[in-house]
Amino acid sequence: MINEMASMLQVVNRSIMDPEDYDLEKYDELKSLYDLLKQKGQLSVAETQAFVQELANIRK
């Protein structure tokens, strides 16, 4: 799921999207972000930055 999000967000620095860095206790938050991303499809630059920042906030 995280790797797919990285592809959808076109993240260049994949090290911030390493699935090992995310705690399973935060699965619900990750799933919500994933579902929103799938629903929106394309994001603006600002939305992409916000998604990446939110992912950074929920890393271990």
C-alpha atoms as a PDB file:
ATOM      1  CA  MET A   1       0.000   0.000   0.000  1.00  0.00           C
ATOM      2  CA  ILE A   2       2.804   2.427   0.895  1.00  0.00           C
ATOM      3  CA  ASN A   3       4.766   1.609  -2.256  1.00  0.00           C
ATOM      4  CA  GLU A   4       1.650   2.180  -4.341  1.00  0.00           C
ATOM      5  CA  MET A   5       1.112   5.527  -2.618  1.00  0.00           C
ATOM      6  CA  ALA A   6       4.719   6.486  -3.399  1.00  0.00           C
ATOM      7  CA  SER A   7       4.096   5.726  -7.066  1.00  0.00           C
ATOM      8  CA  MET A   8       0.822   7.641  -7.115  1.00  0.00           C
ATOM      9  CA  LEU A   9       2.455  10.627  -5.416  1.00  0.00           C
ATOM     10  CA  GLN A  10       5.477  10.352  -7.737  1.00  0.00           C
ATOM     11  CA  VAL A  11       7.845  10.474  -4.773  1.00  0.00           C
ATOM     12  CA  VAL A  12      11.450  10.711  -5.929  1.00  0.00           C
ATOM     13  CA  ASN A  13      13.076  10.030  -2.551  1.00  0.00           C
ATOM     14  CA  ARG A  14      11.638   6.576  -1.870  1.00  0.00           C
ATOM     15  CA  SER A  15      13.538   6.300   1.428  1.00  0.00           C
ATOM     16  CA  ILE A  16      10.771   8.308   3.123  1.00  0.00           C
ATOM     17  CA  MET A  17       8.266   5.748   1.862  1.00  0.00           C
ATOM     18  CA  ASP A  18       9.909   2.592   3.226  1.00  0.00           C
ATOM     19  CA  PRO A  19       7.087   0.363   4.532  1.00  0.00           C
ATOM     20  CA  GLU A  20       9.362  -0.776   7.374  1.00  0.00           C
ATOM     21  CA  ASP A  21       9.269   2.778   8.776  1.00  0.00           C
ATOM     22  CA  TYR A  22       5.527   2.719   9.409  1.00  0.00           C
ATOM     23  CA  ASP A  23       3.965   1.257  12.524  1.00  0.00           C
ATOM     24  CA  LEU A  24       1.064  -1.161  12.055  1.00  0.00           C
ATOM     25  CA  GLU A  25      -0.693   0.611  14.926  1.00  0.00           C
ATOM     26  CA  LYS A  26      -1.177   3.527  12.520  1.00  0.00           C
ATOM     27  CA  TYR A  27      -2.666   1.333   9.799  1.00  0.00           C
ATOM     28  CA  ASP A  28      -6.048   3.079   9.983  1.00  0.00           C
ATOM     29  CA  GLU A  29      -4.432   6.468   9.314  1.00  0.00           C
ATOM     30  CA  LEU A  30      -2.433   5.049   6.411  1.00  0.00           C
ATOM     31  CA  LYS A  31      -5.509   3.331   4.991  1.00  0.00           C
ATOM     32  CA  SER A  32      -7.496   6.575   5.183  1.00  0.00           C
ATOM     33  CA  LEU A  33      -4.768   8.432   3.296  1.00  0.00           C
ATOM     34  CA  TYR A  34      -4.553   5.631   0.744  1.00  0.00           C
ATOM     35  CA  ASP A  35      -8.323   5.603   0.189  1.00  0.00           C
ATOM     36  CA  LEU A  36      -8.408   9.384  -0.208  1.00  0.00           C
ATOM     37  CA  LEU A  37      -5.537   9.271  -2.671  1.00  0.00           C
ATOM     38  CA  LYS A  38      -7.238   6.531  -4.722  1.00  0.00           C
ATOM     39  CA  GLN A  39     -10.482   8.503  -4.716  1.00  0.00           C
ATOM     40  CA  LYS A  40      -8.900  11.818  -5.759  1.00  0.00           C
ATOM     41  CA  GLY A  41      -6.741  10.369  -8.502  1.00  0.00           C
ATOM     42  CA  GLN A  42      -4.590  13.319  -9.473  1.00  0.00           C
ATOM     43  CA  LEU A  43      -3.388  15.832  -6.917  1.00  0.00           C
ATOM     44  CA  SER A  44      -2.117  19.366  -7.210  1.00  0.00           C
ATOM     45  CA  VAL A  45       1.452  20.104  -6.168  1.00  0.00           C
ATOM     46  CA  ALA A  46       0.232  21.537  -2.857  1.00  0.00           C
ATOM     47  CA  GLU A  47      -1.936  18.473  -2.184  1.00  0.00           C
ATOM     48  CA  THR A  48       0.969  16.156  -2.985  1.00  0.00           C
ATOM     49  CA  GLN A  49       3.210  18.038  -0.564  1.00  0.00           C
ATOM     50  CA  ALA A  50       0.506  17.840   2.100  1.00  0.00           C
ATOM     51  CA  PHE A  51       0.164  14.072   1.603  1.00  0.00           C
ATOM     52  CA  VAL A  52       3.918  13.541   1.851  1.00  0.00           C
ATOM     53  CA  GLN A  53       4.041  15.692   4.998  1.00  0.00           C
ATOM     54  CA  GLU A  54       1.175  13.745   6.550  1.00  0.00           C
ATOM     55  CA  LEU A  55       2.964  10.476   5.784  1.00  0.00           C
ATOM     56  CA  ALA A  56       6.117  11.868   7.396  1.00  0.00           C
ATOM     57  CA  ASN A  57       4.096  12.742  10.504  1.00  0.00           C
ATOM     58  CA  ILE A  58       2.889   9.168  10.991  1.00  0.00           C
ATOM     59  CA  ARG A  59       6.234   7.444  10.456  1.00  0.00           C
ATOM     60  CA  LYS A  60       7.828   5.640  13.426  1.00  0.00           C
END
